[in-house]
């Protein structure tokens, strides 16, 4: 694809994705740039994946209960104290 056509394609894809993200987040006012930048990062990440043939690296995700130990536990830090159950009124 030629450069101007690719740029227009990327712009349109970013606009659609930014709108989708905005809708998913209850359409908050005044956060258009935030959603645009998030969409732009996603589109660029996808483009990097397509060019290299491998997935782009993403930020590590936290584990759900039952997964590996949290980083604090893995580094030998003490575990947080257990909470007492809430009293019933």
C-alpha atoms as a PDB file:
ATOM      1  CA  UNK A   1       0.000   0.000   0.000  1.00  0.00           C
ATOM      2  CA  UNK A   2       1.316   3.460  -0.764  1.00  0.00           C
ATOM      3  CA  UNK A   3       2.193   5.771   2.127  1.00  0.00           C
ATOM      4  CA  UNK A   4      -0.750   8.263   1.895  1.00  0.00           C
ATOM      5  CA  UNK A   5      -3.277   5.430   1.526  1.00  0.00           C
ATOM      6  CA  UNK A   6      -1.736   3.574   4.491  1.00  0.00           C
ATOM      7  CA  UNK A   7      -1.840   6.727   6.617  1.00  0.00           C
ATOM      8  CA  UNK A   8      -5.524   7.256   5.790  1.00  0.00           C
ATOM      9  CA  UNK A   9      -6.256   3.596   6.557  1.00  0.00           C
ATOM     10  CA  UNK A  10      -4.476   3.906   9.925  1.00  0.00           C
ATOM     11  CA  UNK A  11      -6.323   7.149  10.725  1.00  0.00           C
ATOM     12  CA  UNK A  12      -9.689   5.550   9.981  1.00  0.00           C
ATOM     13  CA  UNK A  13      -8.837   2.448  12.020  1.00  0.00           C
ATOM     14  CA  UNK A  14      -7.647   4.564  14.963  1.00  0.00           C
ATOM     15  CA  UNK A  15     -10.816   6.678  14.806  1.00  0.00           C
ATOM     16  CA  UNK A  16     -13.077   3.596  14.830  1.00  0.00           C
ATOM     17  CA  UNK A  17     -11.160   1.988  17.679  1.00  0.00           C
ATOM     18  CA  UNK A  18     -11.035   5.221  19.735  1.00  0.00           C
ATOM     19  CA  UNK A  19     -14.807   5.564  19.349  1.00  0.00           C
ATOM     20  CA  UNK A  20     -15.291   1.950  20.405  1.00  0.00           C
ATOM     21  CA  UNK A  21     -13.095   2.448  23.491  1.00  0.00           C
ATOM     22  CA  UNK A  22     -14.986   5.647  24.359  1.00  0.00           C
ATOM     23  CA  UNK A  23     -18.305   3.815  24.113  1.00  0.00           C
ATOM     24  CA  UNK A  24     -17.041   0.940  26.266  1.00  0.00           C
ATOM     25  CA  UNK A  25     -16.092   3.431  28.970  1.00  0.00           C
ATOM     26  CA  UNK A  26     -19.568   5.022  29.246  1.00  0.00           C
ATOM     27  CA  UNK A  27     -18.798   7.900  26.848  1.00  0.00           C
ATOM     28  CA  UNK A  28     -17.011  10.223  29.294  1.00  0.00           C
ATOM     29  CA  UNK A  29     -16.684  13.859  28.276  1.00  0.00           C
ATOM     30  CA  UNK A  30     -13.263  15.436  27.788  1.00  0.00           C
ATOM     31  CA  UNK A  31     -11.227  12.233  27.418  1.00  0.00           C
ATOM     32  CA  UNK A  32     -11.056  12.088  23.626  1.00  0.00           C
ATOM     33  CA  UNK A  33      -7.271  12.420  23.481  1.00  0.00           C
ATOM     34  CA  UNK A  34      -6.848   9.594  25.999  1.00  0.00           C
ATOM     35  CA  UNK A  35      -8.931   7.221  23.868  1.00  0.00           C
ATOM     36  CA  UNK A  36      -7.266   8.377  20.642  1.00  0.00           C
ATOM     37  CA  UNK A  37      -3.793   7.696  22.054  1.00  0.00           C
ATOM     38  CA  UNK A  38      -4.843   4.292  23.382  1.00  0.00           C
ATOM     39  CA  UNK A  39      -6.287   3.364  19.988  1.00  0.00           C
ATOM     40  CA  UNK A  40      -3.181   4.655  18.219  1.00  0.00           C
ATOM     41  CA  UNK A  41      -0.981   2.462  20.405  1.00  0.00           C
ATOM     42  CA  UNK A  42      -3.121  -0.592  19.670  1.00  0.00           C
ATOM     43  CA  UNK A  43      -3.054   0.033  15.913  1.00  0.00           C
ATOM     44  CA  UNK A  44       0.721   0.560  15.943  1.00  0.00           C
ATOM     45  CA  UNK A  45       1.167  -2.596  17.986  1.00  0.00           C
ATOM     46  CA  UNK A  46      -0.898  -4.541  15.465  1.00  0.00           C
ATOM     47  CA  UNK A  47       1.123  -3.068  12.609  1.00  0.00           C
ATOM     48  CA  UNK A  48       4.350  -4.149  14.338  1.00  0.00           C
ATOM     49  CA  UNK A  49       2.938  -7.656  14.692  1.00  0.00           C
ATOM     50  CA  UNK A  50       2.015  -7.802  11.023  1.00  0.00           C
ATOM     51  CA  UNK A  51       5.460  -6.631   9.904  1.00  0.00           C
ATOM     52  CA  UNK A  52       7.512  -8.901  12.163  1.00  0.00           C
ATOM     53  CA  UNK A  53       5.250 -11.920  11.985  1.00  0.00           C
ATOM     54  CA  UNK A  54       5.236 -12.267  15.778  1.00  0.00           C
ATOM     55  CA  UNK A  55       3.033 -10.723  18.431  1.00  0.00           C
ATOM     56  CA  UNK A  56       4.201  -7.463  19.961  1.00  0.00           C
ATOM     57  CA  UNK A  57       5.188  -7.699  23.620  1.00  0.00           C
ATOM     58  CA  UNK A  58       2.653  -6.273  26.002  1.00  0.00           C
ATOM     59  CA  UNK A  59       2.837  -5.226  29.620  1.00  0.00           C
ATOM     60  CA  UNK A  60       2.699  -8.133  32.052  1.00  0.00           C
ATOM     61  CA  UNK A  61      -0.744  -8.874  33.399  1.00  0.00           C
ATOM     62  CA  UNK A  62      -1.463  -9.576  37.031  1.00  0.00           C
ATOM     63  CA  UNK A  63      -2.325 -13.137  37.915  1.00  0.00           C
ATOM     64  CA  UNK A  64      -5.727 -14.144  39.180  1.00  0.00           C
ATOM     65  CA  UNK A  65      -6.143 -16.085  42.429  1.00  0.00           C
ATOM     66  CA  UNK A  66      -4.762 -19.576  42.005  1.00  0.00           C
ATOM     67  CA  UNK A  67      -1.961 -18.344  39.747  1.00  0.00           C
ATOM     68  CA  UNK A  68       1.676 -17.779  40.628  1.00  0.00           C
ATOM     69  CA  UNK A  69       2.701 -15.815  43.694  1.00  0.00           C
ATOM     70  CA  UNK A  70       2.585 -12.051  43.551  1.00  0.00           C
ATOM     71  CA  UNK A  71       5.909 -10.228  43.004  1.00  0.00           C
ATOM     72  CA  UNK A  72       6.035  -9.270  46.717  1.00  0.00           C
ATOM     73  CA  UNK A  73       5.835 -12.920  47.747  1.00  0.00           C
ATOM     74  CA  UNK A  74       8.291 -13.964  45.081  1.00  0.00           C
ATOM     75  CA  UNK A  75      10.858 -11.488  46.397  1.00  0.00           C
ATOM     76  CA  UNK A  76      10.544 -12.689  49.998  1.00  0.00           C
ATOM     77  CA  UNK A  77       8.468  -9.792  51.333  1.00  0.00           C
ATOM     78  CA  UNK A  78       6.048 -10.684  54.113  1.00  0.00           C
ATOM     79  CA  UNK A  79       2.484 -11.457  53.119  1.00  0.00           C
ATOM     80  CA  UNK A  80      -0.198  -8.935  54.102  1.00  0.00           C
ATOM     81  CA  UNK A  81      -2.090  -9.724  57.297  1.00  0.00           C
ATOM     82  CA  UNK A  82      -5.376 -11.582  56.876  1.00  0.00           C
ATOM     83  CA  UNK A  83      -8.511  -9.565  57.487  1.00  0.00           C
ATOM     84  CA  UNK A  84     -11.035 -10.567  60.085  1.00  0.00           C
ATOM     85  CA  UNK A  85     -14.499 -11.325  58.713  1.00  0.00           C
ATOM     86  CA  UNK A  86     -16.941  -8.428  58.793  1.00  0.00           C
ATOM     87  CA  UNK A  87     -19.343  -8.554  61.692  1.00  0.00           C
ATOM     88  CA  UNK A  88     -23.013  -8.965  60.981  1.00  0.00           C
ATOM     89  CA  UNK A  89     -25.365  -6.354  62.340  1.00  0.00           C
END
